[in-house]
Amino acid sequence: MASKLYVGGLPYSTTDDELKKLFDVFGAVESAVVITDRDSGRSKGFGFVEFSTKEEADAAIKELDGSDVGGRRVTVNHARPKEDRGPRGGGFDRPRY
């Protein structure tokens, strides 16, 4: 079963490939994505890495959480499930009083 990790505190210059290489030593990385701002395309300083097994993910957390990457201290932990934030769209679906 796949295990997804949250990686925070990344240098803003980090690319998807660099993130993947950082975690490759711990096992088979299924995906590595740095989250970017939709308008500017600039990194938001965090990303997600998905491993094929929980054991590989746990090893990565043990070794990389709190470590220095590019001069910044990174946070690595299991990602929480994405929350449903409900409808969005400028308030047109709000009740009118």
N, C-alpha and C. Protein backbone atom coordinates (compact mmCIF):
# COMPACT_ATOMS: atom_id res chain seq x y z
N MET A 1 0.83 -1.18 0.00
CA MET A 1 0.00 0.00 0.00
C MET A 1 0.87 1.25 0.00
N ALA A 2 0.54 2.22 -0.82
CA ALA A 2 1.33 3.44 -0.95
C ALA A 2 1.23 4.29 0.30
N SER A 3 2.29 5.03 0.58
CA SER A 3 2.34 5.90 1.74
C SER A 3 2.81 7.28 1.29
N LYS A 4 2.01 8.30 1.58
CA LYS A 4 2.30 9.66 1.12
C LYS A 4 2.87 10.49 2.26
N LEU A 5 3.93 11.24 1.96
CA LEU A 5 4.59 12.09 2.94
C LEU A 5 4.42 13.56 2.58
N TYR A 6 4.30 14.39 3.61
CA TYR A 6 4.34 15.84 3.46
C TYR A 6 5.77 16.28 3.74
N VAL A 7 6.30 17.17 2.90
CA VAL A 7 7.65 17.69 3.08
C VAL A 7 7.56 19.22 3.10
N GLY A 8 7.77 19.82 4.25
CA GLY A 8 7.67 21.27 4.39
C GLY A 8 9.01 21.92 4.65
N GLY A 9 9.07 23.21 4.38
CA GLY A 9 10.30 23.96 4.61
C GLY A 9 11.32 23.82 3.51
N LEU A 10 10.88 23.41 2.33
CA LEU A 10 11.81 23.25 1.20
C LEU A 10 12.30 24.59 0.69
N PRO A 11 13.53 24.65 0.19
CA PRO A 11 13.98 25.86 -0.48
C PRO A 11 13.04 26.13 -1.67
N TYR A 12 12.76 27.39 -1.93
CA TYR A 12 11.83 27.75 -3.01
C TYR A 12 12.34 27.36 -4.40
N SER A 13 13.61 27.07 -4.50
CA SER A 13 14.19 26.68 -5.79
C SER A 13 14.10 25.18 -6.06
N THR A 14 13.59 24.39 -5.12
CA THR A 14 13.53 22.94 -5.26
C THR A 14 12.58 22.53 -6.39
N THR A 15 13.04 21.62 -7.24
CA THR A 15 12.21 21.11 -8.33
C THR A 15 11.67 19.72 -7.96
N ASP A 16 10.72 19.24 -8.76
CA ASP A 16 10.18 17.89 -8.55
C ASP A 16 11.29 16.85 -8.62
N ASP A 17 12.18 16.98 -9.61
CA ASP A 17 13.27 16.02 -9.77
C ASP A 17 14.23 16.03 -8.57
N GLU A 18 14.54 17.21 -8.05
CA GLU A 18 15.43 17.30 -6.89
C GLU A 18 14.78 16.67 -5.66
N LEU A 19 13.47 16.87 -5.50
CA LEU A 19 12.75 16.27 -4.39
C LEU A 19 12.78 14.75 -4.51
N LYS A 20 12.56 14.24 -5.70
CA LYS A 20 12.58 12.79 -5.93
C LYS A 20 13.97 12.22 -5.61
N LYS A 21 15.03 12.89 -6.06
CA LYS A 21 16.40 12.41 -5.80
C LYS A 21 16.71 12.39 -4.31
N LEU A 22 16.19 13.36 -3.56
CA LEU A 22 16.42 13.43 -2.13
C LEU A 22 15.84 12.21 -1.42
N PHE A 23 14.71 11.70 -1.91
CA PHE A 23 14.03 10.59 -1.26
C PHE A 23 14.31 9.23 -1.90
N ASP A 24 14.90 9.20 -3.08
CA ASP A 24 15.19 7.94 -3.79
C ASP A 24 16.01 6.95 -2.98
N VAL A 25 16.87 7.43 -2.11
CA VAL A 25 17.76 6.54 -1.36
C VAL A 25 17.01 5.68 -0.34
N PHE A 26 15.74 6.03 -0.07
CA PHE A 26 14.97 5.29 0.93
C PHE A 26 14.05 4.25 0.34
N GLY A 27 13.93 4.22 -0.99
CA GLY A 27 13.09 3.22 -1.63
C GLY A 27 12.49 3.72 -2.93
N ALA A 28 11.48 3.00 -3.39
CA ALA A 28 10.84 3.31 -4.67
C ALA A 28 9.87 4.47 -4.52
N VAL A 29 10.27 5.63 -5.04
CA VAL A 29 9.43 6.82 -5.01
C VAL A 29 8.45 6.74 -6.17
N GLU A 30 7.16 6.69 -5.85
CA GLU A 30 6.14 6.62 -6.90
C GLU A 30 5.86 8.00 -7.49
N SER A 31 5.93 9.04 -6.66
CA SER A 31 5.76 10.41 -7.16
C SER A 31 6.39 11.38 -6.19
N ALA A 32 6.82 12.52 -6.72
CA ALA A 32 7.38 13.61 -5.93
C ALA A 32 6.96 14.91 -6.60
N VAL A 33 6.22 15.73 -5.85
CA VAL A 33 5.67 16.96 -6.42
C VAL A 33 5.90 18.12 -5.48
N VAL A 34 6.49 19.19 -6.00
CA VAL A 34 6.61 20.44 -5.26
C VAL A 34 5.38 21.27 -5.62
N ILE A 35 4.68 21.77 -4.61
CA ILE A 35 3.46 22.53 -4.83
C ILE A 35 3.82 23.97 -5.21
N THR A 36 3.18 24.44 -6.28
CA THR A 36 3.46 25.79 -6.77
C THR A 36 2.20 26.65 -6.74
N ASP A 37 2.40 27.95 -6.70
CA ASP A 37 1.31 28.90 -6.75
C ASP A 37 0.70 28.88 -8.14
N ARG A 38 -0.62 28.81 -8.22
CA ARG A 38 -1.27 28.66 -9.53
C ARG A 38 -1.12 29.91 -10.39
N ASP A 39 -1.00 31.09 -9.78
CA ASP A 39 -0.88 32.32 -10.56
C ASP A 39 0.55 32.62 -10.99
N SER A 40 1.49 32.52 -10.03
CA SER A 40 2.87 32.90 -10.34
C SER A 40 3.73 31.73 -10.79
N GLY A 41 3.33 30.49 -10.45
CA GLY A 41 4.15 29.33 -10.78
C GLY A 41 5.30 29.12 -9.82
N ARG A 42 5.44 29.99 -8.81
CA ARG A 42 6.54 29.92 -7.84
C ARG A 42 6.24 28.86 -6.79
N SER A 43 7.28 28.16 -6.35
CA SER A 43 7.13 27.14 -5.32
C SER A 43 6.56 27.75 -4.04
N LYS A 44 5.73 26.97 -3.35
CA LYS A 44 5.20 27.39 -2.05
C LYS A 44 6.06 26.88 -0.90
N GLY A 45 7.14 26.15 -1.20
CA GLY A 45 8.06 25.70 -0.16
C GLY A 45 7.68 24.39 0.49
N PHE A 46 6.73 23.66 -0.12
CA PHE A 46 6.40 22.34 0.40
C PHE A 46 6.00 21.43 -0.75
N GLY A 47 5.97 20.14 -0.45
CA GLY A 47 5.62 19.18 -1.48
C GLY A 47 5.18 17.86 -0.87
N PHE A 48 4.94 16.89 -1.75
CA PHE A 48 4.50 15.56 -1.33
C PHE A 48 5.31 14.51 -2.05
N VAL A 49 5.66 13.44 -1.32
CA VAL A 49 6.40 12.32 -1.87
C VAL A 49 5.62 11.07 -1.54
N GLU A 50 5.45 10.20 -2.54
CA GLU A 50 4.70 8.97 -2.32
C GLU A 50 5.62 7.77 -2.52
N PHE A 51 5.66 6.90 -1.50
CA PHE A 51 6.44 5.67 -1.54
C PHE A 51 5.50 4.49 -1.75
N SER A 52 6.05 3.39 -2.25
CA SER A 52 5.22 2.20 -2.47
C SER A 52 4.92 1.47 -1.17
N THR A 53 5.76 1.63 -0.13
CA THR A 53 5.50 0.95 1.15
C THR A 53 5.64 1.91 2.33
N LYS A 54 4.95 1.59 3.40
CA LYS A 54 5.00 2.40 4.62
C LYS A 54 6.40 2.33 5.25
N GLU A 55 7.06 1.18 5.15
CA GLU A 55 8.39 1.02 5.74
C GLU A 55 9.40 1.99 5.10
N GLU A 56 9.33 2.14 3.78
CA GLU A 56 10.22 3.09 3.10
C GLU A 56 9.92 4.52 3.54
N ALA A 57 8.65 4.84 3.64
CA ALA A 57 8.25 6.18 4.07
C ALA A 57 8.72 6.46 5.50
N ASP A 58 8.57 5.48 6.39
CA ASP A 58 9.01 5.64 7.77
C ASP A 58 10.52 5.85 7.86
N ALA A 59 11.28 5.15 7.03
CA ALA A 59 12.74 5.33 7.02
C ALA A 59 13.10 6.74 6.57
N ALA A 60 12.39 7.27 5.57
CA ALA A 60 12.65 8.62 5.09
C ALA A 60 12.32 9.65 6.18
N ILE A 61 11.22 9.45 6.88
CA ILE A 61 10.87 10.37 7.97
C ILE A 61 11.94 10.37 9.04
N LYS A 62 12.37 9.17 9.44
CA LYS A 62 13.38 9.04 10.49
C LYS A 62 14.68 9.78 10.14
N GLU A 63 15.09 9.68 8.89
CA GLU A 63 16.37 10.26 8.49
C GLU A 63 16.28 11.75 8.09
N LEU A 64 15.17 12.17 7.50
CA LEU A 64 15.13 13.52 6.92
C LEU A 64 14.38 14.56 7.75
N ASP A 65 13.48 14.15 8.64
CA ASP A 65 12.75 15.13 9.43
C ASP A 65 13.70 15.93 10.30
N GLY A 66 13.67 17.24 10.14
CA GLY A 66 14.56 18.12 10.91
C GLY A 66 15.92 18.32 10.29
N SER A 67 16.19 17.69 9.16
CA SER A 67 17.50 17.83 8.53
C SER A 67 17.59 19.11 7.71
N ASP A 68 18.81 19.45 7.32
CA ASP A 68 19.07 20.65 6.53
C ASP A 68 19.06 20.29 5.05
N VAL A 69 18.23 20.98 4.29
CA VAL A 69 18.17 20.82 2.83
C VAL A 69 18.29 22.20 2.21
N GLY A 70 19.40 22.44 1.53
CA GLY A 70 19.59 23.74 0.88
C GLY A 70 19.59 24.91 1.84
N GLY A 71 20.06 24.69 3.07
CA GLY A 71 20.11 25.77 4.05
C GLY A 71 18.83 25.97 4.83
N ARG A 72 17.85 25.10 4.63
CA ARG A 72 16.59 25.20 5.36
C ARG A 72 16.30 23.90 6.10
N ARG A 73 15.69 24.01 7.26
CA ARG A 73 15.32 22.82 8.05
C ARG A 73 13.97 22.32 7.55
N VAL A 74 13.95 21.08 7.09
CA VAL A 74 12.71 20.53 6.53
C VAL A 74 11.94 19.71 7.55
N THR A 75 10.63 19.67 7.36
CA THR A 75 9.73 18.85 8.14
C THR A 75 9.22 17.74 7.24
N VAL A 76 9.32 16.51 7.71
CA VAL A 76 8.84 15.37 6.93
C VAL A 76 7.95 14.52 7.83
N ASN A 77 6.70 14.32 7.41
CA ASN A 77 5.79 13.45 8.15
C ASN A 77 4.73 12.88 7.23
N HIS A 78 3.94 11.95 7.75
CA HIS A 78 2.88 11.35 6.95
C HIS A 78 1.85 12.43 6.60
N ALA A 79 1.45 12.46 5.35
CA ALA A 79 0.47 13.45 4.89
C ALA A 79 -0.90 13.09 5.43
N ARG A 80 -1.64 14.12 5.81
CA ARG A 80 -3.04 13.92 6.22
C ARG A 80 -3.91 13.83 4.98
N PRO A 81 -5.03 13.14 5.09
CA PRO A 81 -5.94 13.08 3.94
C PRO A 81 -6.45 14.47 3.58
N LYS A 82 -6.65 14.70 2.30
CA LYS A 82 -7.13 15.99 1.83
C LYS A 82 -8.54 16.23 2.35
N GLU A 83 -8.75 17.42 2.94
CA GLU A 83 -10.05 17.76 3.48
C GLU A 83 -10.95 18.32 2.39
N ASP A 84 -12.23 17.99 2.47
CA ASP A 84 -13.20 18.57 1.56
C ASP A 84 -13.54 19.95 2.07
N ARG A 85 -13.20 20.97 1.29
CA ARG A 85 -13.43 22.35 1.72
C ARG A 85 -14.74 22.91 1.20
N GLY A 86 -15.53 22.09 0.56
CA GLY A 86 -16.83 22.54 0.09
C GLY A 86 -16.74 23.36 -1.18
N PRO A 87 -17.88 23.86 -1.61
CA PRO A 87 -17.89 24.62 -2.86
C PRO A 87 -17.16 25.95 -2.72
N ARG A 88 -16.55 26.37 -3.82
CA ARG A 88 -15.86 27.65 -3.87
C ARG A 88 -16.33 28.36 -5.12
N GLY A 89 -16.28 29.65 -5.12
CA GLY A 89 -16.66 30.33 -6.33
C GLY A 89 -17.24 31.71 -6.16
N GLY A 90 -16.78 32.47 -5.22
CA GLY A 90 -17.16 33.85 -5.14
C GLY A 90 -18.44 34.15 -4.37
N GLY A 91 -18.99 33.17 -3.72
CA GLY A 91 -20.12 33.43 -2.85
C GLY A 91 -21.48 33.40 -3.51
N PHE A 92 -21.56 33.01 -4.76
CA PHE A 92 -22.85 32.99 -5.44
C PHE A 92 -23.78 31.91 -4.91
N ASP A 93 -23.22 30.91 -4.22
CA ASP A 93 -24.07 29.83 -3.71
C ASP A 93 -24.46 30.05 -2.25
N ARG A 94 -24.13 31.20 -1.68
CA ARG A 94 -24.51 31.50 -0.30
C ARG A 94 -25.98 31.89 -0.23
N PRO A 95 -26.62 31.57 0.89
CA PRO A 95 -28.01 32.00 1.02
C PRO A 95 -28.07 33.53 1.13
N ARG A 96 -29.10 34.09 0.57
CA ARG A 96 -29.27 35.54 0.62
C ARG A 96 -30.29 35.86 1.71
N TYR A 97 -29.99 36.88 2.46
CA TYR A 97 -30.86 37.24 3.58
C TYR A 97 -31.67 38.48 3.27
